[in-house]
Amino acid sequence: MLARSTAFMDDMFADVDDDEHGYVDEHEWENALVLPALFGAWRCVKVLLADLRIDVNNTGNLSSNMGTTPFHAAVSGGHPKCIELLLQAPGIKINKGTPKKGVTPLGLAANLGELECLKLLLQADGIAVNKADKDGMAPLASAANQGRSKCIEALLKDARVNVNQLDNDGFFTLTHACIHLRTAMRNMGACDGRFDDHTDPVRGLVLFLRSRRVSTAALDQSLLMCKYHHPTKRQISLAEAGGTPLTDFHLMARHVLPILQAEAKGQKRWCDWCLRVTPDQDLLLCSGCWQVGYCNRECCQKKGWAKASGEAMEGGTTALCGLRHKEACAGMAAEAAKAKADKAEDKDSSGGAGGGKARKTKKNETCPCGKWKIYKKCCI
């Protein structure tokens, strides 16, 4: 097969005109590696990489190239084999952004939901996992903005990823996960889409909360946004009576706000096992760490708690840790206690006896991020 690919490449460039000095015009080779990478012709990619005339980082000037490198082309086509070959190429720049928007290959993989490509890039040496494009969108923010839950999960497992990175507009990645829901709320529950980004769009938001790496500032910003877009009682009544329907932002805020409000109070309205949400019901928490809860589905309680013996527990009881949660229970309890102590210490240092009164923003005063006007406190 390799011999056939070599012969094919020889025929492909047989008609390329040389100049009077016997050299091929450099512009003839601008798309030579991009097209095979885009269509997954990894044998052709392997042959071309052995040619010293090929620049593996060239973005080209042709309109069909659109300023992308062969790396971007392989990611865009979703071809892990081509990416493996390109990663081995000498001088490859894995963090090079596109000329127009500065999107890196990792950011493109997160945006398009190419999970296998994203995993390969995360394992590469020298990968910049938090490098943002010209809009300030890091790979995690791009995945959250498009609702790519599997890519979100893979990025959140990487300790190098900054979960609370801000974009150029001052938005946290958690806010992007909430904003994405406005475009997918009408598809929610269309079928059993536990691992489907279209029928279970809230999964990405739950993964952020499940990571327990979201800062208080990020949670506060998302709460403020949901409160701003939450419909009034009159708007809800008119919509239920067949009048003006609620907008996508209304539906998003009405669904997400109770979940975030419960999270801010230390309650859980998402199941740690199936990742489904219960916006109108606080779940029973583990009595050991008070950080994990499961819905009343028989399978989730049975797999998560030792006490779940086939029937849902009564609302007034708490559950003991099951075998699957027991190992992490003590660590979660310690982390929660440390976070509580740090929060109390910060409060004492800013508004305690030694620090004077805490500063309050004035009415209509712009927050440091320049995005919100908040009376009680700023969003960052």
Protein backbone atom coordinates (compact mmCIF):
# COMPACT_ATOMS: atom_id res chain seq x y z
CA MET A 1 0.00 0.00 0.00
CA LEU A 2 2.85 2.37 0.77
CA ALA A 3 4.36 1.71 -2.64
CA ARG A 4 1.03 2.45 -4.31
CA SER A 5 0.75 5.72 -2.33
CA THR A 6 4.26 6.71 -3.41
CA ALA A 7 3.42 6.06 -7.04
CA PHE A 8 0.20 8.04 -6.66
CA MET A 9 2.09 11.04 -5.26
CA ASP A 10 4.65 10.84 -8.09
CA ASP A 11 1.83 10.95 -10.64
CA MET A 12 0.11 13.73 -8.73
CA PHE A 13 3.10 16.08 -9.05
CA ALA A 14 4.32 14.85 -12.46
CA ASP A 15 2.64 17.76 -14.23
CA VAL A 16 3.94 20.43 -11.85
CA ASP A 17 5.96 22.86 -13.94
CA ASP A 18 9.52 23.61 -12.87
CA ASP A 19 10.98 27.03 -13.41
CA GLU A 20 13.99 27.70 -15.58
CA HIS A 21 16.39 26.78 -12.78
CA GLY A 22 14.82 23.35 -12.29
CA TYR A 23 13.11 24.13 -8.96
CA VAL A 24 9.42 23.81 -8.19
CA ASP A 25 7.71 27.08 -7.30
CA GLU A 26 7.22 27.15 -3.52
CA HIS A 27 3.59 28.19 -3.94
CA GLU A 28 2.86 24.91 -5.76
CA TRP A 29 3.48 23.08 -2.49
CA GLU A 30 1.34 25.20 -0.19
CA ASN A 31 -1.62 22.81 -0.29
CA ALA A 32 0.34 19.62 -0.94
CA LEU A 33 0.14 18.42 2.67
CA VAL A 34 -3.09 20.18 3.66
CA LEU A 35 -5.41 18.28 1.34
CA PRO A 36 -4.25 14.72 2.23
CA ALA A 37 -4.44 15.63 5.93
CA LEU A 38 -7.95 17.02 5.48
CA PHE A 39 -9.24 13.86 3.79
CA GLY A 40 -7.37 11.40 6.00
CA ALA A 41 -4.95 10.07 3.35
CA TRP A 42 -2.38 9.18 5.97
CA ARG A 43 -0.17 7.20 3.57
CA CYS A 44 0.17 10.27 1.37
CA VAL A 45 0.87 12.35 4.47
CA LYS A 46 3.64 9.92 5.41
CA VAL A 47 5.24 10.20 1.98
CA LEU A 48 5.02 13.98 1.90
CA LEU A 49 6.53 14.38 5.36
CA ALA A 50 9.67 12.68 4.04
CA ASP A 51 10.04 15.39 1.37
CA LEU A 52 12.26 18.25 2.53
CA ARG A 53 10.42 20.73 0.30
CA ILE A 54 7.28 20.42 2.43
CA ASP A 55 6.79 22.97 5.21
CA VAL A 56 4.68 21.27 7.87
CA ASN A 57 3.74 24.64 9.43
CA ASN A 58 2.91 26.54 6.24
CA THR A 59 -0.51 28.22 6.28
CA GLY A 60 -0.35 29.04 2.57
CA ASN A 61 -1.84 31.88 0.58
CA LEU A 62 -4.36 30.02 -1.54
CA SER A 63 -8.08 30.57 -1.06
CA SER A 64 -8.75 26.84 -0.78
CA ASN A 65 -6.29 26.64 2.13
CA MET A 66 -8.06 29.34 4.18
CA GLY A 67 -4.88 29.93 6.19
CA THR A 68 -4.90 26.59 7.99
CA THR A 69 -1.90 24.40 8.64
CA PRO A 70 -1.86 20.67 7.83
CA PHE A 71 -2.39 20.15 11.57
CA HIS A 72 -5.64 22.14 11.47
CA ALA A 73 -6.73 20.24 8.38
CA ALA A 74 -6.22 16.85 10.05
CA VAL A 75 -8.16 17.98 13.11
CA SER A 76 -10.95 19.47 11.00
CA GLY A 77 -11.35 16.19 9.14
CA GLY A 78 -11.14 14.16 12.35
CA HIS A 79 -8.20 11.93 11.37
CA PRO A 80 -6.17 10.76 14.42
CA LYS A 81 -3.77 8.75 12.26
CA CYS A 82 -2.70 11.86 10.36
CA ILE A 83 -2.27 13.72 13.64
CA GLU A 84 0.01 10.97 14.96
CA LEU A 85 2.21 11.32 11.89
CA LEU A 86 2.28 15.12 12.10
CA LEU A 87 3.23 15.02 15.78
CA GLN A 88 6.35 13.06 14.83
CA ALA A 89 7.38 15.55 12.13
CA PRO A 90 10.52 17.58 12.96
CA GLY A 91 9.82 21.24 13.63
CA ILE A 92 6.06 20.87 13.94
CA LYS A 93 4.39 23.75 15.81
CA ILE A 94 1.46 22.20 17.63
CA ASN A 95 0.34 25.49 19.20
CA LYS A 96 0.32 27.59 16.02
CA GLY A 97 -2.92 29.49 15.54
CA THR A 98 -4.72 30.38 12.33
CA PRO A 99 -3.78 33.81 10.91
CA LYS A 100 -7.28 35.26 11.11
CA LYS A 101 -8.64 34.10 14.47
CA GLY A 102 -5.64 32.50 16.14
CA VAL A 103 -7.39 29.16 16.74
CA THR A 104 -4.96 26.43 17.78
CA PRO A 105 -5.37 22.78 16.70
CA LEU A 106 -6.43 21.91 20.27
CA GLY A 107 -9.01 24.70 20.27
CA LEU A 108 -10.33 23.51 16.91
CA ALA A 109 -10.64 19.93 18.14
CA ALA A 110 -12.58 21.14 21.20
CA ASN A 111 -14.83 23.34 19.09
CA LEU A 112 -15.67 20.57 16.61
CA GLY A 113 -15.99 17.84 19.23
CA GLU A 114 -13.21 15.66 17.78
CA LEU A 115 -12.54 13.68 20.95
CA GLU A 116 -9.85 11.30 19.67
CA CYS A 117 -7.90 14.15 18.10
CA LEU A 118 -8.20 16.15 21.31
CA LYS A 119 -6.87 13.28 23.43
CA LEU A 120 -3.85 12.88 21.15
CA LEU A 121 -3.08 16.58 21.38
CA LEU A 122 -3.37 16.59 25.17
CA GLN A 123 -0.73 13.87 25.32
CA ALA A 124 1.68 15.76 23.04
CA ASP A 125 4.81 17.37 24.49
CA GLY A 126 4.67 21.13 24.72
CA ILE A 127 0.94 21.46 24.16
CA ALA A 128 -0.50 24.74 25.49
CA VAL A 129 -3.80 23.60 26.96
CA ASN A 130 -4.93 27.12 27.92
CA LYS A 131 -3.82 29.08 24.84
CA ALA A 132 -6.74 31.24 23.74
CA ASP A 133 -7.64 32.55 20.29
CA LYS A 134 -7.92 36.23 19.42
CA ASP A 135 -11.36 36.38 21.10
CA GLY A 136 -9.90 35.03 24.33
CA MET A 137 -11.59 31.64 23.90
CA ALA A 138 -9.49 28.85 25.38
CA PRO A 139 -10.09 25.24 24.24
CA LEU A 140 -12.29 24.53 27.28
CA ALA A 141 -14.38 27.64 26.60
CA SER A 142 -14.77 26.62 22.95
CA ALA A 143 -15.98 23.17 23.95
CA ALA A 144 -18.39 24.66 26.49
CA ASN A 145 -19.71 27.20 24.00
CA GLN A 146 -20.55 24.41 21.54
CA GLY A 147 -21.77 21.91 24.16
CA ARG A 148 -19.14 19.28 23.36
CA SER A 149 -19.61 17.33 26.57
CA LYS A 150 -17.12 14.54 25.84
CA CYS A 151 -14.39 17.06 25.06
CA ILE A 152 -15.34 19.03 28.18
CA GLU A 153 -14.96 15.88 30.26
CA ALA A 154 -11.54 15.09 28.77
CA LEU A 155 -10.29 18.65 29.34
CA LEU A 156 -11.58 18.80 32.91
CA LYS A 157 -9.63 15.63 33.74
CA ASP A 158 -6.40 17.44 32.81
CA ALA A 159 -5.02 19.27 35.84
CA ARG A 160 -3.23 21.77 33.58
CA VAL A 161 -6.50 23.19 32.25
CA ASN A 162 -7.64 26.47 33.82
CA VAL A 163 -11.34 25.99 34.52
CA ASN A 164 -11.86 29.63 35.52
CA GLN A 165 -10.16 31.37 32.60
CA LEU A 166 -11.76 34.60 31.35
CA ASP A 167 -12.30 35.49 27.70
CA ASN A 168 -11.90 38.97 26.22
CA ASP A 169 -15.47 39.90 27.24
CA GLY A 170 -14.93 38.90 30.87
CA PHE A 171 -16.95 35.67 30.73
CA PHE A 172 -15.93 32.52 32.60
CA THR A 173 -16.09 29.11 30.94
CA LEU A 174 -19.03 28.15 33.19
CA THR A 175 -21.00 31.05 31.73
CA HIS A 176 -20.31 29.75 28.23
CA ALA A 177 -21.67 26.35 29.27
CA CYS A 178 -24.87 28.07 30.43
CA ILE A 179 -25.20 30.26 27.34
CA HIS A 180 -24.93 27.22 25.08
CA LEU A 181 -28.15 25.82 26.55
CA ARG A 182 -30.23 28.57 24.97
CA THR A 183 -29.73 27.00 21.53
CA ALA A 184 -30.60 23.47 22.66
CA MET A 185 -33.31 23.74 25.32
CA ARG A 186 -36.10 22.71 22.93
CA ASN A 187 -34.29 19.43 22.17
CA MET A 188 -33.90 18.43 25.80
CA GLY A 189 -35.48 15.09 26.60
CA ALA A 190 -36.27 14.25 22.98
CA CYS A 191 -34.91 10.75 23.61
CA ASP A 192 -32.69 8.91 26.06
CA GLY A 193 -29.61 10.91 25.16
CA ARG A 194 -27.41 10.43 28.18
CA PHE A 195 -24.32 10.75 26.03
CA ASP A 196 -25.90 12.85 23.27
CA ASP A 197 -25.02 16.54 23.18
CA HIS A 198 -28.25 17.33 21.32
CA THR A 199 -30.80 15.60 23.56
CA ASP A 200 -28.91 16.14 26.81
CA PRO A 201 -27.40 19.63 26.38
CA VAL A 202 -27.14 20.29 30.13
CA ARG A 203 -24.55 17.53 30.51
CA GLY A 204 -21.65 19.92 29.87
CA LEU A 205 -22.80 22.22 32.68
CA VAL A 206 -23.09 19.27 35.06
CA LEU A 207 -19.55 18.17 34.20
CA PHE A 208 -18.26 21.59 35.25
CA LEU A 209 -20.06 21.36 38.59
CA ARG A 210 -18.98 17.76 39.05
CA SER A 211 -15.30 18.71 38.62
CA ARG A 212 -15.53 20.86 41.80
CA ARG A 213 -12.99 23.21 40.23
CA VAL A 214 -15.38 26.08 39.49
CA SER A 215 -14.56 29.21 41.47
CA THR A 216 -17.10 31.17 43.50
CA ALA A 217 -16.65 34.14 41.15
CA ALA A 218 -17.53 32.00 38.12
CA LEU A 219 -20.60 30.60 39.86
CA ASP A 220 -21.71 34.10 40.90
CA GLN A 221 -21.37 35.39 37.34
CA SER A 222 -23.52 32.57 35.94
CA LEU A 223 -26.12 33.17 38.65
CA LEU A 224 -26.30 36.86 37.79
CA MET A 225 -26.71 36.12 34.10
CA CYS A 226 -29.51 33.61 34.76
CA LYS A 227 -31.29 36.04 37.07
CA TYR A 228 -31.11 38.75 34.43
CA HIS A 229 -32.65 36.50 31.75
CA HIS A 230 -35.16 34.74 34.01
CA PRO A 231 -38.76 35.40 32.85
CA THR A 232 -41.18 37.27 35.10
CA LYS A 233 -44.33 35.65 36.47
CA ARG A 234 -46.38 37.60 33.96
CA GLN A 235 -44.27 36.35 31.05
CA ILE A 236 -44.62 32.77 32.28
CA SER A 237 -48.40 33.13 32.67
CA LEU A 238 -48.80 34.58 29.18
CA ALA A 239 -46.71 31.79 27.68
CA GLU A 240 -48.72 29.09 29.48
CA ALA A 241 -51.96 30.71 28.31
CA GLY A 242 -50.89 30.51 24.69
CA GLY A 243 -49.61 34.07 24.38
CA THR A 244 -46.09 35.23 23.64
CA PRO A 245 -43.80 32.20 24.00
CA LEU A 246 -40.72 32.33 26.16
CA THR A 247 -37.43 33.02 24.41
CA ASP A 248 -34.52 30.62 24.37
CA PHE A 249 -32.77 32.72 27.02
CA HIS A 250 -35.90 32.53 29.20
CA LEU A 251 -36.01 28.75 28.92
CA MET A 252 -32.29 28.46 29.68
CA ALA A 253 -32.45 30.69 32.76
CA ARG A 254 -35.60 29.04 34.09
CA HIS A 255 -33.95 25.62 33.86
CA VAL A 256 -30.43 26.49 35.02
CA LEU A 257 -31.06 29.06 37.77
CA PRO A 258 -32.44 26.57 40.38
CA ILE A 259 -29.50 24.25 39.75
CA LEU A 260 -26.93 26.99 40.31
CA GLN A 261 -28.77 28.42 43.31
CA ALA A 262 -28.76 24.99 44.94
CA GLU A 263 -25.06 24.61 44.14
CA ALA A 264 -24.31 27.94 45.83
CA LYS A 265 -26.09 26.71 48.96
CA GLY A 266 -24.19 23.41 49.05
CA GLN A 267 -27.08 21.35 47.68
CA LYS A 268 -27.07 19.14 44.58
CA ARG A 269 -29.68 19.03 41.87
CA TRP A 270 -27.70 16.81 39.52
CA CYS A 271 -26.99 13.10 39.85
CA ASP A 272 -23.35 12.13 40.26
CA TRP A 273 -23.95 8.84 38.48
CA CYS A 274 -26.16 9.49 35.43
CA LEU A 275 -25.52 13.28 35.35
CA ARG A 276 -29.21 14.03 34.90
CA VAL A 277 -30.58 17.13 36.57
CA THR A 278 -33.55 17.62 38.89
CA PRO A 279 -34.14 21.41 38.81
CA ASP A 280 -37.06 21.26 41.26
CA GLN A 281 -35.66 18.79 43.79
CA ASP A 282 -32.62 18.72 46.09
CA LEU A 283 -31.02 15.29 46.06
CA LEU A 284 -30.00 13.33 49.13
CA LEU A 285 -26.35 13.94 49.97
CA CYS A 286 -23.75 11.54 51.26
CA SER A 287 -23.62 11.89 55.05
CA GLY A 288 -19.83 11.47 55.00
CA CYS A 289 -18.75 14.33 52.71
CA TRP A 290 -22.01 16.15 51.85
CA GLN A 291 -20.62 16.64 48.33
CA VAL A 292 -22.24 13.83 46.33
CA GLY A 293 -25.87 13.12 45.61
CA TYR A 294 -27.79 10.70 43.40
CA CYS A 295 -31.26 10.89 41.92
CA ASN A 296 -34.07 8.58 42.96
CA ARG A 297 -33.53 6.26 40.06
CA GLU A 298 -33.05 2.73 41.30
CA CYS A 299 -29.95 2.08 39.23
CA CYS A 300 -28.13 5.26 40.33
CA GLN A 301 -28.70 4.69 44.04
CA LYS A 302 -27.87 1.02 43.75
CA LYS A 303 -24.59 1.70 41.99
CA GLY A 304 -23.66 4.67 44.13
CA TRP A 305 -24.87 3.80 47.64
CA ALA A 306 -24.61 0.64 49.67
CA LYS A 307 -27.99 1.31 51.29
CA ALA A 308 -29.96 1.45 48.04
CA SER A 309 -31.46 -2.02 47.94
CA GLY A 310 -33.93 -1.61 45.11
CA GLU A 311 -36.23 1.08 46.52
CA ALA A 312 -35.89 4.81 46.61
CA MET A 313 -34.98 6.22 50.00
CA GLU A 314 -37.33 8.43 51.90
CA GLY A 315 -36.82 12.17 51.59
CA GLY A 316 -35.97 12.66 55.24
CA THR A 317 -32.98 10.33 55.39
CA THR A 318 -29.39 10.60 54.31
CA ALA A 319 -27.40 7.85 52.68
CA LEU A 320 -24.09 6.26 53.55
CA CYS A 321 -21.25 6.03 51.07
CA GLY A 322 -21.33 3.13 48.66
CA LEU A 323 -18.35 1.17 47.40
CA ARG A 324 -17.91 3.38 44.32
CA HIS A 325 -17.78 6.59 46.32
CA LYS A 326 -16.06 5.40 49.47
CA GLU A 327 -12.50 5.97 48.24
CA ALA A 328 -13.13 9.60 47.30
CA CYS A 329 -15.44 10.43 50.19
CA ALA A 330 -12.78 11.32 52.75
CA GLY A 331 -10.86 13.43 50.26
CA MET A 332 -13.99 15.36 49.26
CA ALA A 333 -14.84 16.00 52.89
CA ALA A 334 -11.34 17.37 53.54
CA GLU A 335 -11.46 19.57 50.43
CA ALA A 336 -14.86 20.95 51.43
CA ALA A 337 -13.65 21.73 54.94
CA LYS A 338 -10.53 23.45 53.60
CA ALA A 339 -12.56 25.53 51.15
CA LYS A 340 -14.92 26.58 53.91
CA ALA A 341 -12.01 27.57 56.16
CA ASP A 342 -10.34 29.54 53.34
CA LYS A 343 -13.58 31.36 52.60
CA ALA A 344 -14.00 32.30 56.24
CA GLU A 345 -10.38 33.47 56.41
CA ASP A 346 -10.82 35.64 53.31
CA LYS A 347 -13.96 37.13 54.78
CA ASP A 348 -12.20 37.94 58.05
CA SER A 349 -9.21 39.48 56.28
CA SER A 350 -11.40 41.76 54.12
CA GLY A 351 -14.10 42.68 56.60
CA GLY A 352 -12.91 41.47 60.00
CA ALA A 353 -11.38 43.25 62.94
CA GLY A 354 -8.01 43.85 61.29
CA GLY A 355 -9.19 44.70 57.81
CA GLY A 356 -12.00 47.15 58.34
CA LYS A 357 -15.31 46.94 56.51
CA ALA A 358 -15.58 45.17 53.20
CA ARG A 359 -15.88 47.42 50.19
CA LYS A 360 -19.34 47.69 48.61
CA THR A 361 -19.83 48.82 45.06
CA LYS A 362 -22.07 51.78 44.51
CA LYS A 363 -25.24 51.65 42.50
CA ASN A 364 -24.59 51.65 38.73
CA GLU A 365 -20.85 51.29 39.34
CA THR A 366 -19.20 49.21 36.61
CA CYS A 367 -17.47 46.03 37.76
CA PRO A 368 -13.74 45.51 37.10
CA CYS A 369 -14.55 43.26 34.14
CA GLY A 370 -16.47 46.11 32.52
CA LYS A 371 -19.40 43.85 31.66
CA TRP A 372 -21.89 44.04 34.52
CA LYS A 373 -23.42 46.74 36.73
CA ILE A 374 -24.10 45.22 40.13
CA TYR A 375 -25.15 46.87 43.34
CA LYS A 376 -23.90 44.48 46.02
CA LYS A 377 -20.74 42.97 44.61
CA CYS A 378 -18.87 42.63 41.36
CA CYS A 379 -18.70 39.43 39.37
CA ILE A 380 -14.94 38.95 39.62
